[in-house]
């Protein structure tokens, strides 16, 4: 494998650890075409963030559930996320539109696709999305206040909730860590979940963006039932049984690229 950008490389390392329980530094150096010293630095950074535990010659998984920071999620399921974002961009109505965007890698991709629109008002609590759109003079950007979460680049908590309560959105596009018929929309952090739920309540229509790895998954903090969602946009890697169960709840499911 050719040398990857560091964020992509560490994302791949974490996927290996999650799948196999351990990794060998020498094998990783060969696979990613980098030096053993580079891999050791990658593993040290990940250990410092408590995402794995280093061993002599490699690393092992830590025995806790963790949320992968968004800067490392960018490289995961990249093609699927891009396809989902493109599908949602085409779904959104033309003409004046007030659009809510939560944080997430797929919503960030969507923001990039929408950046040239001239009739758009975007409401977001995501720092990276705001940075993407702040210098686009032809659209209006409204950002909540709140407390920043380093894992997701989102502003959350009572300040963000209060700002959202005073706004009305025609459509909210919501990123999640899990979505299922049983668990509804879920994420790793309960404060973030509450802020996302507030945005959902202020929107006339809710579109969830979730690559196939998130369909059927249930995380710690519930955001809302799946029945509060108008449309789920996912990709062909989603578990068919999980997709069917969501459809039976009355939520429209669009499989991007199908």
C-alpha atoms as a PDB file:
ATOM      1  CA  UNK A   1       0.000   0.000   0.000  1.00  0.00           C
ATOM      2  CA  UNK A   2       1.328   3.447  -0.877  1.00  0.00           C
ATOM      3  CA  UNK A   3       2.060   5.928   1.888  1.00  0.00           C
ATOM      4  CA  UNK A   4      -1.094   7.507   3.318  1.00  0.00           C
ATOM      5  CA  UNK A   5      -1.690  10.850   4.960  1.00  0.00           C
ATOM      6  CA  UNK A   6      -1.227  10.562   8.699  1.00  0.00           C
ATOM      7  CA  UNK A   7      -4.919  10.977   9.523  1.00  0.00           C
ATOM      8  CA  UNK A   8      -5.819   8.198   7.073  1.00  0.00           C
ATOM      9  CA  UNK A   9      -3.019   6.002   8.387  1.00  0.00           C
ATOM     10  CA  UNK A  10      -3.969   6.256  12.046  1.00  0.00           C
ATOM     11  CA  UNK A  11      -7.613   5.715  11.138  1.00  0.00           C
ATOM     12  CA  UNK A  12      -6.593   2.498   9.372  1.00  0.00           C
ATOM     13  CA  UNK A  13      -4.466   1.462  12.372  1.00  0.00           C
ATOM     14  CA  UNK A  14      -7.440   1.918  14.700  1.00  0.00           C
ATOM     15  CA  UNK A  15      -9.628  -0.145  12.377  1.00  0.00           C
ATOM     16  CA  UNK A  16      -7.042  -2.962  12.480  1.00  0.00           C
ATOM     17  CA  UNK A  17      -6.919  -2.822  16.274  1.00  0.00           C
ATOM     18  CA  UNK A  18     -10.710  -2.879  16.511  1.00  0.00           C
ATOM     19  CA  UNK A  19     -10.953  -5.836  14.100  1.00  0.00           C
ATOM     20  CA  UNK A  20      -8.046  -7.979  15.308  1.00  0.00           C
ATOM     21  CA  UNK A  21      -7.402  -6.844  18.879  1.00  0.00           C
ATOM     22  CA  UNK A  22      -3.731  -6.118  18.209  1.00  0.00           C
ATOM     23  CA  UNK A  23      -1.306  -4.883  15.544  1.00  0.00           C
ATOM     24  CA  UNK A  24       2.381  -5.442  14.796  1.00  0.00           C
ATOM     25  CA  UNK A  25       4.439  -2.300  14.184  1.00  0.00           C
ATOM     26  CA  UNK A  26       6.710  -3.964  11.637  1.00  0.00           C
ATOM     27  CA  UNK A  27       3.796  -5.233   9.578  1.00  0.00           C
ATOM     28  CA  UNK A  28       2.165  -1.786   9.688  1.00  0.00           C
ATOM     29  CA  UNK A  29       5.368  -0.103   8.487  1.00  0.00           C
ATOM     30  CA  UNK A  30       5.532  -2.475   5.520  1.00  0.00           C
ATOM     31  CA  UNK A  31       1.848  -2.113   4.712  1.00  0.00           C
ATOM     32  CA  UNK A  32       1.835   1.696   4.796  1.00  0.00           C
ATOM     33  CA  UNK A  33       5.300   2.108   3.235  1.00  0.00           C
ATOM     34  CA  UNK A  34       6.636   4.210   6.097  1.00  0.00           C
ATOM     35  CA  UNK A  35       9.482   3.768   8.574  1.00  0.00           C
ATOM     36  CA  UNK A  36       9.089   1.815  11.834  1.00  0.00           C
ATOM     37  CA  UNK A  37       9.846   5.084  13.664  1.00  0.00           C
ATOM     38  CA  UNK A  38       6.840   6.722  11.973  1.00  0.00           C
ATOM     39  CA  UNK A  39       4.574   3.882  13.082  1.00  0.00           C
ATOM     40  CA  UNK A  40       5.923   4.096  16.621  1.00  0.00           C
ATOM     41  CA  UNK A  41       5.063   7.818  16.686  1.00  0.00           C
ATOM     42  CA  UNK A  42       1.559   7.061  15.379  1.00  0.00           C
ATOM     43  CA  UNK A  43       1.043   4.454  18.094  1.00  0.00           C
ATOM     44  CA  UNK A  44       2.340   6.826  20.771  1.00  0.00           C
ATOM     45  CA  UNK A  45      -0.119   9.541  19.698  1.00  0.00           C
ATOM     46  CA  UNK A  46      -2.989   7.048  19.806  1.00  0.00           C
ATOM     47  CA  UNK A  47      -1.917   5.735  23.203  1.00  0.00           C
ATOM     48  CA  UNK A  48      -1.733   9.300  24.544  1.00  0.00           C
ATOM     49  CA  UNK A  49      -5.392   9.653  23.509  1.00  0.00           C
ATOM     50  CA  UNK A  50      -6.203   6.321  25.196  1.00  0.00           C
ATOM     51  CA  UNK A  51      -7.346   4.801  21.921  1.00  0.00           C
ATOM     52  CA  UNK A  52      -4.991   1.813  22.228  1.00  0.00           C
ATOM     53  CA  UNK A  53      -2.225   0.464  24.462  1.00  0.00           C
ATOM     54  CA  UNK A  54       1.318   0.058  23.142  1.00  0.00           C
ATOM     55  CA  UNK A  55       3.203  -3.203  23.563  1.00  0.00           C
ATOM     56  CA  UNK A  56       6.721  -4.294  22.687  1.00  0.00           C
ATOM     57  CA  UNK A  57       6.562  -4.431  18.912  1.00  0.00           C
ATOM     58  CA  UNK A  58       3.009  -3.187  18.418  1.00  0.00           C
ATOM     59  CA  UNK A  59      -0.226  -2.288  20.204  1.00  0.00           C
ATOM     60  CA  UNK A  60      -3.413  -3.847  21.569  1.00  0.00           C
ATOM     61  CA  UNK A  61      -6.969  -2.639  21.928  1.00  0.00           C
ATOM     62  CA  UNK A  62      -7.995  -0.919  25.133  1.00  0.00           C
ATOM     63  CA  UNK A  63     -10.839  -2.570  26.982  1.00  0.00           C
ATOM     64  CA  UNK A  64     -13.232   0.391  26.734  1.00  0.00           C
ATOM     65  CA  UNK A  65     -15.669   1.683  24.161  1.00  0.00           C
ATOM     66  CA  UNK A  66     -14.389   4.903  22.649  1.00  0.00           C
ATOM     67  CA  UNK A  67     -15.450   7.549  20.176  1.00  0.00           C
ATOM     68  CA  UNK A  68     -13.012   7.938  17.312  1.00  0.00           C
ATOM     69  CA  UNK A  69     -12.130  11.653  16.980  1.00  0.00           C
ATOM     70  CA  UNK A  70     -13.569  13.199  13.822  1.00  0.00           C
ATOM     71  CA  UNK A  71     -10.132  14.008  12.369  1.00  0.00           C
ATOM     72  CA  UNK A  72      -9.474  10.256  12.210  1.00  0.00           C
ATOM     73  CA  UNK A  73     -12.940   9.402  10.885  1.00  0.00           C
ATOM     74  CA  UNK A  74     -12.458  11.343   7.651  1.00  0.00           C
ATOM     75  CA  UNK A  75     -10.623   8.456   6.019  1.00  0.00           C
ATOM     76  CA  UNK A  76     -13.138   5.808   7.067  1.00  0.00           C
ATOM     77  CA  UNK A  77     -15.711   4.728   4.466  1.00  0.00           C
ATOM     78  CA  UNK A  78     -14.765   7.813   2.437  1.00  0.00           C
ATOM     79  CA  UNK A  79     -16.358   6.744  -0.846  1.00  0.00           C
ATOM     80  CA  UNK A  80     -19.614   5.737   0.843  1.00  0.00           C
ATOM     81  CA  UNK A  81     -19.836   9.029   2.750  1.00  0.00           C
ATOM     82  CA  UNK A  82     -19.177  11.043  -0.414  1.00  0.00           C
ATOM     83  CA  UNK A  83     -21.933   9.151  -2.228  1.00  0.00           C
ATOM     84  CA  UNK A  84     -24.382   9.736   0.633  1.00  0.00           C
ATOM     85  CA  UNK A  85     -23.531  13.460   0.736  1.00  0.00           C
ATOM     86  CA  UNK A  86     -23.998  13.809  -3.032  1.00  0.00           C
ATOM     87  CA  UNK A  87     -27.381  12.070  -2.835  1.00  0.00           C
ATOM     88  CA  UNK A  88     -28.598  14.398  -0.080  1.00  0.00           C
ATOM     89  CA  UNK A  89     -27.393  17.487  -1.978  1.00  0.00           C
ATOM     90  CA  UNK A  90     -29.576  16.400  -4.881  1.00  0.00           C
ATOM     91  CA  UNK A  91     -32.538  15.721  -2.568  1.00  0.00           C
ATOM     92  CA  UNK A  92     -32.640  19.181  -1.036  1.00  0.00           C
ATOM     93  CA  UNK A  93     -35.241  21.541  -2.505  1.00  0.00           C
ATOM     94  CA  UNK A  94     -34.159  24.367  -4.791  1.00  0.00           C
ATOM     95  CA  UNK A  95     -34.924  27.963  -3.953  1.00  0.00           C
ATOM     96  CA  UNK A  96     -34.634  29.661  -0.561  1.00  0.00           C
ATOM     97  CA  UNK A  97     -33.897  27.086   2.150  1.00  0.00           C
ATOM     98  CA  UNK A  98     -33.040  27.176   5.854  1.00  0.00           C
ATOM     99  CA  UNK A  99     -30.911  24.116   6.540  1.00  0.00           C
ATOM    100  CA  UNK A 100     -29.656  22.743   9.840  1.00  0.00           C
ATOM    101  CA  UNK A 101     -26.426  20.725   9.871  1.00  0.00           C
ATOM    102  CA  UNK A 102     -25.099  18.820  12.863  1.00  0.00           C
ATOM    103  CA  UNK A 103     -21.470  17.809  13.071  1.00  0.00           C
ATOM    104  CA  UNK A 104     -20.029  14.757  11.361  1.00  0.00           C
ATOM    105  CA  UNK A 105     -17.820  13.808   8.446  1.00  0.00           C
ATOM    106  CA  UNK A 106     -20.729  13.267   6.042  1.00  0.00           C
ATOM    107  CA  UNK A 107     -22.457  16.538   6.929  1.00  0.00           C
ATOM    108  CA  UNK A 108     -19.107  18.292   6.408  1.00  0.00           C
ATOM    109  CA  UNK A 109     -18.870  16.777   2.921  1.00  0.00           C
ATOM    110  CA  UNK A 110     -22.422  17.951   2.260  1.00  0.00           C
ATOM    111  CA  UNK A 111     -21.546  21.496   3.352  1.00  0.00           C
ATOM    112  CA  UNK A 112     -18.761  21.565   0.781  1.00  0.00           C
ATOM    113  CA  UNK A 113     -21.178  20.524  -1.939  1.00  0.00           C
ATOM    114  CA  UNK A 114     -23.626  23.271  -0.955  1.00  0.00           C
ATOM    115  CA  UNK A 115     -21.086  26.058  -0.529  1.00  0.00           C
ATOM    116  CA  UNK A 116     -21.820  27.665  -3.910  1.00  0.00           C
ATOM    117  CA  UNK A 117     -25.585  27.985  -3.371  1.00  0.00           C
ATOM    118  CA  UNK A 118     -26.871  31.537  -3.221  1.00  0.00           C
ATOM    119  CA  UNK A 119     -30.258  30.948  -1.609  1.00  0.00           C
ATOM    120  CA  UNK A 120     -29.205  29.063   1.495  1.00  0.00           C
ATOM    121  CA  UNK A 121     -29.265  29.841   5.209  1.00  0.00           C
ATOM    122  CA  UNK A 122     -27.235  27.273   7.174  1.00  0.00           C
ATOM    123  CA  UNK A 123     -27.681  26.760  10.914  1.00  0.00           C
ATOM    124  CA  UNK A 124     -24.925  24.649  12.465  1.00  0.00           C
ATOM    125  CA  UNK A 125     -23.241  23.839  15.749  1.00  0.00           C
ATOM    126  CA  UNK A 126     -20.184  22.342  14.002  1.00  0.00           C
ATOM    127  CA  UNK A 127     -16.957  24.344  14.002  1.00  0.00           C
ATOM    128  CA  UNK A 128     -15.518  22.676  10.907  1.00  0.00           C
ATOM    129  CA  UNK A 129     -18.706  23.261   8.897  1.00  0.00           C
ATOM    130  CA  UNK A 130     -18.799  26.902   9.992  1.00  0.00           C
ATOM    131  CA  UNK A 131     -15.164  27.327   8.950  1.00  0.00           C
ATOM    132  CA  UNK A 132     -16.021  25.801   5.572  1.00  0.00           C
ATOM    133  CA  UNK A 133     -18.890  28.241   4.968  1.00  0.00           C
ATOM    134  CA  UNK A 134     -17.831  31.410   6.792  1.00  0.00           C
ATOM    135  CA  UNK A 135     -16.083  32.945   3.775  1.00  0.00           C
ATOM    136  CA  UNK A 136     -18.913  32.192   1.343  1.00  0.00           C
ATOM    137  CA  UNK A 137     -20.550  35.623   0.985  1.00  0.00           C
ATOM    138  CA  UNK A 138     -23.558  34.379  -1.018  1.00  0.00           C
ATOM    139  CA  UNK A 139     -25.006  32.210   1.730  1.00  0.00           C
ATOM    140  CA  UNK A 140     -26.049  33.073   5.281  1.00  0.00           C
ATOM    141  CA  UNK A 141     -24.395  31.240   8.151  1.00  0.00           C
ATOM    142  CA  UNK A 142     -25.863  31.057  11.660  1.00  0.00           C
ATOM    143  CA  UNK A 143     -23.795  29.364  14.339  1.00  0.00           C
ATOM    144  CA  UNK A 144     -24.794  28.380  17.852  1.00  0.00           C
ATOM    145  CA  UNK A 145     -22.636  29.056  20.835  1.00  0.00           C
ATOM    146  CA  UNK A 146     -21.834  26.278  23.258  1.00  0.00           C
ATOM    147  CA  UNK A 147     -19.039  24.167  24.675  1.00  0.00           C
ATOM    148  CA  UNK A 148     -16.686  22.643  22.096  1.00  0.00           C
ATOM    149  CA  UNK A 149     -16.260  18.854  21.920  1.00  0.00           C
ATOM    150  CA  UNK A 150     -12.837  18.006  20.526  1.00  0.00           C
ATOM    151  CA  UNK A 151     -14.003  14.572  19.358  1.00  0.00           C
ATOM    152  CA  UNK A 152     -16.699  15.920  17.019  1.00  0.00           C
ATOM    153  CA  UNK A 153     -15.883  19.655  16.548  1.00  0.00           C
ATOM    154  CA  UNK A 154     -19.435  20.367  17.761  1.00  0.00           C
ATOM    155  CA  UNK A 155     -20.640  23.086  20.126  1.00  0.00           C
ATOM    156  CA  UNK A 156     -23.025  21.489  22.610  1.00  0.00           C
ATOM    157  CA  UNK A 157     -24.803  22.057  25.886  1.00  0.00           C
ATOM    158  CA  UNK A 158     -27.336  24.599  27.227  1.00  0.00           C
ATOM    159  CA  UNK A 159     -25.960  27.573  25.269  1.00  0.00           C
ATOM    160  CA  UNK A 160     -26.248  25.687  21.973  1.00  0.00           C
ATOM    161  CA  UNK A 161     -29.671  24.345  22.932  1.00  0.00           C
ATOM    162  CA  UNK A 162     -30.974  27.813  23.750  1.00  0.00           C
ATOM    163  CA  UNK A 163     -29.766  29.231  20.433  1.00  0.00           C
ATOM    164  CA  UNK A 164     -31.462  26.438  18.493  1.00  0.00           C
ATOM    165  CA  UNK A 165     -34.750  26.858  20.368  1.00  0.00           C
ATOM    166  CA  UNK A 166     -35.150  30.301  18.819  1.00  0.00           C
ATOM    167  CA  UNK A 167     -34.721  29.107  15.220  1.00  0.00           C
ATOM    168  CA  UNK A 168     -36.882  27.341  12.645  1.00  0.00           C
ATOM    169  CA  UNK A 169     -35.417  25.117   9.922  1.00  0.00           C
ATOM    170  CA  UNK A 170     -37.111  23.631   6.884  1.00  0.00           C
ATOM    171  CA  UNK A 171     -34.670  20.698   6.833  1.00  0.00           C
ATOM    172  CA  UNK A 172     -32.127  19.354   9.325  1.00  0.00           C
ATOM    173  CA  UNK A 173     -29.443  16.961   8.118  1.00  0.00           C
ATOM    174  CA  UNK A 174     -28.191  14.958  11.064  1.00  0.00           C
ATOM    175  CA  UNK A 175     -25.070  12.850  11.413  1.00  0.00           C
ATOM    176  CA  UNK A 176     -25.195   9.945  13.876  1.00  0.00           C
ATOM    177  CA  UNK A 177     -22.939   7.224  15.243  1.00  0.00           C
ATOM    178  CA  UNK A 178     -25.723   4.651  15.105  1.00  0.00           C
ATOM    179  CA  UNK A 179     -29.261   4.242  13.783  1.00  0.00           C
ATOM    180  CA  UNK A 180     -31.595   1.308  14.227  1.00  0.00           C
ATOM    181  CA  UNK A 181     -35.290   0.545  14.484  1.00  0.00           C
ATOM    182  CA  UNK A 182     -34.869  -0.420  18.144  1.00  0.00           C
ATOM    183  CA  UNK A 183     -32.389   2.183  19.364  1.00  0.00           C
ATOM    184  CA  UNK A 184     -33.363   5.074  17.123  1.00  0.00           C
ATOM    185  CA  UNK A 185     -30.668   7.680  16.536  1.00  0.00           C
ATOM    186  CA  UNK A 186     -27.700   7.340  18.902  1.00  0.00           C
ATOM    187  CA  UNK A 187     -24.301   8.875  19.539  1.00  0.00           C
ATOM    188  CA  UNK A 188     -21.471   8.489  22.056  1.00  0.00           C
ATOM    189  CA  UNK A 189     -22.067  11.598  24.178  1.00  0.00           C
ATOM    190  CA  UNK A 190     -25.276  12.413  26.040  1.00  0.00           C
ATOM    191  CA  UNK A 191     -24.796  16.201  25.926  1.00  0.00           C
ATOM    192  CA  UNK A 192     -24.208  16.130  22.166  1.00  0.00           C
ATOM    193  CA  UNK A 193     -27.264  13.896  21.819  1.00  0.00           C
ATOM    194  CA  UNK A 194     -29.439  16.479  23.577  1.00  0.00           C
ATOM    195  CA  UNK A 195     -28.223  19.324  21.355  1.00  0.00           C
ATOM    196  CA  UNK A 196     -28.837  17.264  18.218  1.00  0.00           C
ATOM    197  CA  UNK A 197     -32.319  16.402  19.502  1.00  0.00           C
ATOM    198  CA  UNK A 198     -33.032  20.112  19.949  1.00  0.00           C
ATOM    199  CA  UNK A 199     -32.117  20.794  16.319  1.00  0.00           C
ATOM    200  CA  UNK A 200     -34.343  17.923  15.187  1.00  0.00           C
ATOM    201  CA  UNK A 201     -37.311  19.346  17.083  1.00  0.00           C
ATOM    202  CA  UNK A 202     -36.860  22.714  15.350  1.00  0.00           C
ATOM    203  CA  UNK A 203     -36.903  21.230  11.813  1.00  0.00           C
ATOM    204  CA  UNK A 204     -39.891  20.474   9.596  1.00  0.00           C
ATOM    205  CA  UNK A 205     -38.056  17.597   7.903  1.00  0.00           C
ATOM    206  CA  UNK A 206     -35.201  15.477   9.247  1.00  0.00           C
ATOM    207  CA  UNK A 207     -32.715  13.662   7.011  1.00  0.00           C
ATOM    208  CA  UNK A 208     -30.197  11.336   8.647  1.00  0.00           C
ATOM    209  CA  UNK A 209     -26.919  10.637   6.861  1.00  0.00           C
ATOM    210  CA  UNK A 210     -25.270   7.367   7.874  1.00  0.00           C
ATOM    211  CA  UNK A 211     -22.875   5.164   5.951  1.00  0.00           C
ATOM    212  CA  UNK A 212     -23.705   1.473   6.066  1.00  0.00           C
ATOM    213  CA  UNK A 213     -21.460   0.734   9.062  1.00  0.00           C
ATOM    214  CA  UNK A 214     -23.803   2.747  11.305  1.00  0.00           C
ATOM    215  CA  UNK A 215     -27.078   1.076  10.321  1.00  0.00           C
ATOM    216  CA  UNK A 216     -28.166  -1.336  13.042  1.00  0.00           C
ATOM    217  CA  UNK A 217     -25.639   0.077  15.502  1.00  0.00           C
ATOM    218  CA  UNK A 218     -26.717   1.346  18.947  1.00  0.00           C
ATOM    219  CA  UNK A 219     -24.460   3.714  20.928  1.00  0.00           C
ATOM    220  CA  UNK A 220     -24.676   5.026  24.489  1.00  0.00           C
ATOM    221  CA  UNK A 221     -26.782   8.164  24.132  1.00  0.00           C
ATOM    222  CA  UNK A 222     -30.194   8.257  22.473  1.00  0.00           C
ATOM    223  CA  UNK A 223     -31.069  11.270  20.316  1.00  0.00           C
ATOM    224  CA  UNK A 224     -34.621  10.441  19.210  1.00  0.00           C
ATOM    225  CA  UNK A 225     -36.734   7.541  17.907  1.00  0.00           C
ATOM    226  CA  UNK A 226     -36.353   6.602  14.267  1.00  0.00           C
ATOM    227  CA  UNK A 227     -39.998   7.601  13.788  1.00  0.00           C
ATOM    228  CA  UNK A 228     -38.909  11.265  14.162  1.00  0.00           C
ATOM    229  CA  UNK A 229     -36.844  10.907  10.969  1.00  0.00           C
ATOM    230  CA  UNK A 230     -38.331  11.637   7.560  1.00  0.00           C
ATOM    231  CA  UNK A 231     -35.536  10.078   5.504  1.00  0.00           C
ATOM    232  CA  UNK A 232     -32.412   7.989   6.083  1.00  0.00           C
ATOM    233  CA  UNK A 233     -29.768   8.148   3.363  1.00  0.00           C
ATOM    234  CA  UNK A 234     -27.229   5.321   3.544  1.00  0.00           C
ATOM    235  CA  UNK A 235     -25.235   3.203   1.100  1.00  0.00           C
ATOM    236  CA  UNK A 236     -25.289  -0.338  -0.258  1.00  0.00           C
ATOM    237  CA  UNK A 237     -23.018  -1.681   2.496  1.00  0.00           C
ATOM    238  CA  UNK A 238     -25.843  -1.258   5.051  1.00  0.00           C
ATOM    239  CA  UNK A 239     -27.269  -4.449   6.533  1.00  0.00           C
ATOM    240  CA  UNK A 240     -30.481  -5.215   4.551  1.00  0.00           C
ATOM    241  CA  UNK A 241     -32.292  -6.475   7.649  1.00  0.00           C
ATOM    242  CA  UNK A 242     -31.473  -3.267   9.509  1.00  0.00           C
ATOM    243  CA  UNK A 243     -32.661  -1.181   6.567  1.00  0.00           C
ATOM    244  CA  UNK A 244     -35.924  -3.142   6.324  1.00  0.00           C
ATOM    245  CA  UNK A 245     -36.578  -2.754  10.052  1.00  0.00           C
ATOM    246  CA  UNK A 246     -36.186   1.021   9.774  1.00  0.00           C
ATOM    247  CA  UNK A 247     -38.500   1.129   6.765  1.00  0.00           C
ATOM    248  CA  UNK A 248     -41.136  -0.781   8.725  1.00  0.00           C
ATOM    249  CA  UNK A 249     -41.136   2.067  11.250  1.00  0.00           C
ATOM    250  CA  UNK A 250     -42.347   4.380   8.474  1.00  0.00           C
ATOM    251  CA  UNK A 251     -39.043   6.102   7.712  1.00  0.00           C
ATOM    252  CA  UNK A 252     -38.089   6.490   4.068  1.00  0.00           C
ATOM    253  CA  UNK A 253     -34.710   4.848   3.361  1.00  0.00           C
ATOM    254  CA  UNK A 254     -32.696   5.855   0.303  1.00  0.00           C
ATOM    255  CA  UNK A 255     -29.698   3.681  -0.576  1.00  0.00           C
ATOM    256  CA  UNK A 256     -27.259   5.967  -2.360  1.00  0.00           C
ATOM    257  CA  UNK A 257     -26.075   4.570  -5.665  1.00  0.00           C
ATOM    258  CA  UNK A 258     -28.681   1.796  -5.764  1.00  0.00           C
END
